[in-house]
Amino acid sequence: MKLGVLVSDYRLCVDTLERLQAEKLGLILVLNGVYHAVLQEGGESSALLQKTPHIFALKEDLLTRGLDPQQVDSRVKVLDYEGLVDVIFNEFDKVAWL
């Protein structure tokens, strides 16, 4: 199964992600979840970015929070709403929300 997980909060949910079983796991950072793509704590990027090579962030949510899409971690692909819909429907069999 290919599973897309929408992450909408800045709290760390690494332990939850570790329990999910999927042949392909993707993270979709939305709402306050986009902070994982930009902010660092103690010089380290978010631990979520190490969980999968398939990470996306919604551009509109970055801009709404005053974050520059150009400063997003290189592991994260920035998408607009149209791109987000394409990813959800074309890349994943199931989608969950954390």
N, C-alpha and C. Protein backbone atom coordinates (compact mmCIF):
# COMPACT_ATOMS: atom_id res chain seq x y z
N MET A 1 0.83 -1.17 0.00
CA MET A 1 0.00 0.00 0.00
C MET A 1 0.89 1.25 0.00
N LYS A 2 0.46 2.24 -0.74
CA LYS A 2 1.13 3.54 -0.78
C LYS A 2 0.30 4.50 0.07
N LEU A 3 0.92 4.98 1.15
CA LEU A 3 0.20 5.78 2.13
C LEU A 3 0.73 7.20 2.19
N GLY A 4 -0.16 8.17 2.01
CA GLY A 4 0.17 9.58 2.18
C GLY A 4 -0.35 10.04 3.52
N VAL A 5 0.48 10.72 4.30
CA VAL A 5 0.08 11.19 5.62
C VAL A 5 0.15 12.71 5.64
N LEU A 6 -1.00 13.32 5.86
CA LEU A 6 -1.06 14.77 6.01
C LEU A 6 -0.67 15.13 7.44
N VAL A 7 0.32 15.97 7.59
CA VAL A 7 0.78 16.41 8.90
C VAL A 7 0.42 17.88 9.04
N SER A 8 -0.49 18.19 9.99
CA SER A 8 -1.00 19.55 10.10
C SER A 8 -0.58 20.26 11.38
N ASP A 9 0.29 19.66 12.16
CA ASP A 9 0.69 20.24 13.43
C ASP A 9 2.21 20.23 13.52
N TYR A 10 2.76 21.14 14.31
CA TYR A 10 4.22 21.17 14.44
C TYR A 10 4.73 20.21 15.51
N ARG A 11 3.85 19.59 16.26
CA ARG A 11 4.32 18.63 17.26
C ARG A 11 4.96 17.44 16.53
N LEU A 12 5.93 16.84 17.17
CA LEU A 12 6.58 15.69 16.56
C LEU A 12 5.69 14.47 16.67
N CYS A 13 5.53 13.78 15.57
CA CYS A 13 4.70 12.56 15.56
C CYS A 13 5.50 11.41 14.97
N VAL A 14 6.81 11.44 15.21
CA VAL A 14 7.70 10.42 14.67
C VAL A 14 7.31 9.03 15.16
N ASP A 15 6.95 8.92 16.43
CA ASP A 15 6.59 7.60 16.97
C ASP A 15 5.37 7.03 16.27
N THR A 16 4.42 7.86 15.92
CA THR A 16 3.24 7.40 15.19
C THR A 16 3.63 6.94 13.79
N LEU A 17 4.47 7.69 13.12
CA LEU A 17 4.90 7.32 11.77
C LEU A 17 5.66 6.00 11.76
N GLU A 18 6.43 5.75 12.79
CA GLU A 18 7.21 4.51 12.86
C GLU A 18 6.31 3.29 12.96
N ARG A 19 5.09 3.46 13.44
CA ARG A 19 4.17 2.32 13.56
C ARG A 19 3.39 2.06 12.27
N LEU A 20 3.42 2.99 11.35
CA LEU A 20 2.68 2.81 10.09
C LEU A 20 3.45 1.89 9.16
N GLN A 21 2.76 0.97 8.54
CA GLN A 21 3.36 0.03 7.61
C GLN A 21 2.87 0.34 6.21
N ALA A 22 3.79 0.68 5.32
CA ALA A 22 3.44 0.98 3.94
C ALA A 22 4.64 0.71 3.05
N GLU A 23 4.38 0.25 1.84
CA GLU A 23 5.48 0.05 0.90
C GLU A 23 6.06 1.38 0.46
N LYS A 24 5.21 2.42 0.45
CA LYS A 24 5.65 3.78 0.14
C LYS A 24 4.93 4.71 1.11
N LEU A 25 5.71 5.48 1.87
CA LEU A 25 5.15 6.43 2.82
C LEU A 25 5.51 7.83 2.36
N GLY A 26 4.51 8.70 2.28
CA GLY A 26 4.74 10.08 1.91
C GLY A 26 4.17 11.01 2.96
N LEU A 27 4.88 12.10 3.22
CA LEU A 27 4.39 13.10 4.17
C LEU A 27 3.96 14.33 3.40
N ILE A 28 2.80 14.83 3.73
CA ILE A 28 2.27 16.03 3.10
C ILE A 28 2.08 17.05 4.21
N LEU A 29 2.95 18.06 4.24
CA LEU A 29 2.93 19.06 5.30
C LEU A 29 1.96 20.18 4.94
N VAL A 30 0.94 20.35 5.79
CA VAL A 30 -0.08 21.37 5.58
C VAL A 30 -0.28 22.14 6.89
N LEU A 31 -0.99 23.27 6.82
CA LEU A 31 -1.28 24.10 7.99
C LEU A 31 0.01 24.32 8.78
N ASN A 32 0.01 24.13 10.10
CA ASN A 32 1.22 24.35 10.89
C ASN A 32 2.28 23.27 10.69
N GLY A 33 1.93 22.19 10.02
CA GLY A 33 2.90 21.16 9.70
C GLY A 33 4.01 21.65 8.79
N VAL A 34 3.77 22.73 8.04
CA VAL A 34 4.81 23.25 7.13
C VAL A 34 6.03 23.76 7.87
N TYR A 35 5.89 24.05 9.17
CA TYR A 35 7.06 24.49 9.95
C TYR A 35 8.15 23.41 9.94
N HIS A 36 7.79 22.15 9.83
CA HIS A 36 8.79 21.07 9.77
C HIS A 36 9.72 21.24 8.57
N ALA A 37 9.24 21.87 7.51
CA ALA A 37 10.02 22.02 6.28
C ALA A 37 11.05 23.14 6.37
N VAL A 38 10.88 24.05 7.34
CA VAL A 38 11.72 25.25 7.37
C VAL A 38 12.51 25.41 8.66
N LEU A 39 11.85 25.25 9.80
CA LEU A 39 12.48 25.58 11.07
C LEU A 39 13.45 24.51 11.54
N GLN A 40 14.44 24.97 12.28
CA GLN A 40 15.41 24.07 12.88
C GLN A 40 15.46 24.33 14.38
N GLU A 41 15.70 23.28 15.13
CA GLU A 41 15.86 23.41 16.58
C GLU A 41 17.25 22.90 16.93
N GLY A 42 18.03 23.75 17.57
CA GLY A 42 19.39 23.36 17.95
C GLY A 42 20.25 23.05 16.73
N GLY A 43 19.99 23.71 15.62
CA GLY A 43 20.76 23.49 14.41
C GLY A 43 20.37 22.25 13.62
N GLU A 44 19.37 21.52 14.09
CA GLU A 44 18.93 20.29 13.44
C GLU A 44 17.57 20.49 12.79
N SER A 45 17.41 19.93 11.60
CA SER A 45 16.10 19.97 10.95
C SER A 45 15.15 18.99 11.63
N SER A 46 13.91 19.10 11.33
CA SER A 46 12.89 18.25 11.94
C SER A 46 13.18 16.77 11.70
N ALA A 47 12.97 15.98 12.73
CA ALA A 47 13.17 14.52 12.63
C ALA A 47 12.20 13.90 11.62
N LEU A 48 11.09 14.55 11.35
CA LEU A 48 10.14 14.02 10.36
C LEU A 48 10.77 13.92 8.97
N LEU A 49 11.69 14.82 8.66
CA LEU A 49 12.28 14.83 7.33
C LEU A 49 13.18 13.63 7.07
N GLN A 50 13.50 12.89 8.09
CA GLN A 50 14.35 11.71 7.94
C GLN A 50 13.54 10.42 7.77
N LYS A 51 12.22 10.50 7.82
CA LYS A 51 11.38 9.31 7.82
C LYS A 51 11.08 8.76 6.44
N THR A 52 11.15 9.60 5.41
CA THR A 52 10.82 9.16 4.07
C THR A 52 11.40 10.13 3.05
N PRO A 53 11.71 9.66 1.86
CA PRO A 53 12.18 10.59 0.82
C PRO A 53 11.03 11.30 0.09
N HIS A 54 9.80 10.97 0.44
CA HIS A 54 8.63 11.54 -0.24
C HIS A 54 7.95 12.54 0.69
N ILE A 55 8.41 13.81 0.62
CA ILE A 55 7.88 14.84 1.51
C ILE A 55 7.45 16.04 0.67
N PHE A 56 6.26 16.52 0.96
CA PHE A 56 5.69 17.65 0.23
C PHE A 56 5.20 18.70 1.22
N ALA A 57 5.22 19.97 0.81
CA ALA A 57 4.69 21.05 1.64
C ALA A 57 3.81 21.94 0.78
N LEU A 58 2.73 22.40 1.33
CA LEU A 58 1.78 23.25 0.61
C LEU A 58 2.28 24.69 0.62
N LYS A 59 2.53 25.23 -0.57
CA LYS A 59 3.09 26.57 -0.73
C LYS A 59 2.22 27.63 -0.06
N GLU A 60 0.91 27.56 -0.25
CA GLU A 60 0.01 28.56 0.32
C GLU A 60 0.10 28.60 1.85
N ASP A 61 0.29 27.45 2.48
CA ASP A 61 0.41 27.42 3.94
C ASP A 61 1.76 27.99 4.39
N LEU A 62 2.80 27.78 3.61
CA LEU A 62 4.09 28.41 3.91
C LEU A 62 3.96 29.93 3.86
N LEU A 63 3.38 30.43 2.77
CA LEU A 63 3.24 31.87 2.59
C LEU A 63 2.34 32.50 3.66
N THR A 64 1.26 31.83 4.02
CA THR A 64 0.35 32.33 5.04
C THR A 64 1.07 32.54 6.36
N ARG A 65 2.07 31.71 6.65
CA ARG A 65 2.81 31.80 7.90
C ARG A 65 4.07 32.65 7.78
N GLY A 66 4.22 33.35 6.65
CA GLY A 66 5.37 34.23 6.45
C GLY A 66 6.66 33.50 6.19
N LEU A 67 6.57 32.24 5.75
CA LEU A 67 7.75 31.43 5.46
C LEU A 67 8.06 31.49 3.97
N ASP A 68 9.33 31.59 3.65
CA ASP A 68 9.77 31.69 2.26
C ASP A 68 9.91 30.29 1.67
N PRO A 69 9.16 29.96 0.62
CA PRO A 69 9.30 28.63 -0.01
C PRO A 69 10.71 28.34 -0.50
N GLN A 70 11.51 29.38 -0.73
CA GLN A 70 12.90 29.18 -1.17
C GLN A 70 13.79 28.66 -0.03
N GLN A 71 13.33 28.80 1.21
CA GLN A 71 14.13 28.37 2.36
C GLN A 71 13.73 26.98 2.87
N VAL A 72 12.86 26.32 2.15
CA VAL A 72 12.42 24.98 2.53
C VAL A 72 13.58 24.00 2.38
N ASP A 73 13.66 23.06 3.30
CA ASP A 73 14.68 22.01 3.25
C ASP A 73 14.67 21.36 1.87
N SER A 74 15.83 21.04 1.36
CA SER A 74 15.95 20.50 0.00
C SER A 74 15.27 19.14 -0.17
N ARG A 75 14.95 18.46 0.92
CA ARG A 75 14.26 17.17 0.83
C ARG A 75 12.76 17.32 0.61
N VAL A 76 12.26 18.54 0.70
CA VAL A 76 10.82 18.79 0.62
C VAL A 76 10.47 19.43 -0.72
N LYS A 77 9.47 18.88 -1.37
CA LYS A 77 8.98 19.46 -2.62
C LYS A 77 7.78 20.36 -2.29
N VAL A 78 7.84 21.62 -2.72
CA VAL A 78 6.77 22.58 -2.47
C VAL A 78 5.74 22.47 -3.59
N LEU A 79 4.47 22.37 -3.19
CA LEU A 79 3.37 22.21 -4.13
C LEU A 79 2.31 23.29 -3.93
N ASP A 80 1.64 23.66 -5.02
CA ASP A 80 0.44 24.50 -4.89
C ASP A 80 -0.75 23.55 -4.72
N TYR A 81 -1.96 24.11 -4.61
CA TYR A 81 -3.14 23.26 -4.39
C TYR A 81 -3.33 22.23 -5.51
N GLU A 82 -3.12 22.65 -6.75
CA GLU A 82 -3.30 21.74 -7.88
C GLU A 82 -2.29 20.59 -7.79
N GLY A 83 -1.05 20.92 -7.46
CA GLY A 83 -0.03 19.88 -7.30
C GLY A 83 -0.33 18.95 -6.15
N LEU A 84 -0.89 19.51 -5.08
CA LEU A 84 -1.27 18.69 -3.92
C LEU A 84 -2.33 17.67 -4.30
N VAL A 85 -3.33 18.10 -5.03
CA VAL A 85 -4.39 17.19 -5.47
C VAL A 85 -3.81 16.10 -6.36
N ASP A 86 -2.92 16.48 -7.28
CA ASP A 86 -2.29 15.49 -8.15
C ASP A 86 -1.52 14.45 -7.34
N VAL A 87 -0.76 14.90 -6.36
CA VAL A 87 0.03 13.97 -5.54
C VAL A 87 -0.89 13.02 -4.77
N ILE A 88 -1.93 13.56 -4.16
CA ILE A 88 -2.83 12.73 -3.37
C ILE A 88 -3.50 11.66 -4.23
N PHE A 89 -3.96 12.05 -5.41
CA PHE A 89 -4.69 11.10 -6.24
C PHE A 89 -3.80 10.20 -7.10
N ASN A 90 -2.59 10.63 -7.40
CA ASN A 90 -1.74 9.84 -8.30
C ASN A 90 -0.62 9.08 -7.61
N GLU A 91 -0.23 9.49 -6.41
CA GLU A 91 0.91 8.87 -5.74
C GLU A 91 0.53 7.87 -4.64
N PHE A 92 -0.67 8.03 -4.08
CA PHE A 92 -1.01 7.24 -2.90
C PHE A 92 -2.33 6.51 -3.06
N ASP A 93 -2.40 5.30 -2.47
CA ASP A 93 -3.64 4.52 -2.46
C ASP A 93 -4.55 4.98 -1.33
N LYS A 94 -3.94 5.37 -0.21
CA LYS A 94 -4.70 5.80 0.96
C LYS A 94 -4.05 7.05 1.54
N VAL A 95 -4.87 7.85 2.23
CA VAL A 95 -4.37 9.07 2.86
C VAL A 95 -4.88 9.10 4.30
N ALA A 96 -4.00 9.44 5.22
CA ALA A 96 -4.35 9.59 6.63
C ALA A 96 -3.97 11.00 7.07
N TRP A 97 -4.56 11.43 8.18
CA TRP A 97 -4.30 12.78 8.69
C TRP A 97 -3.82 12.68 10.13
N LEU A 98 -2.66 13.31 10.41
CA LEU A 98 -2.14 13.37 11.79
C LEU A 98 -2.27 14.78 12.30
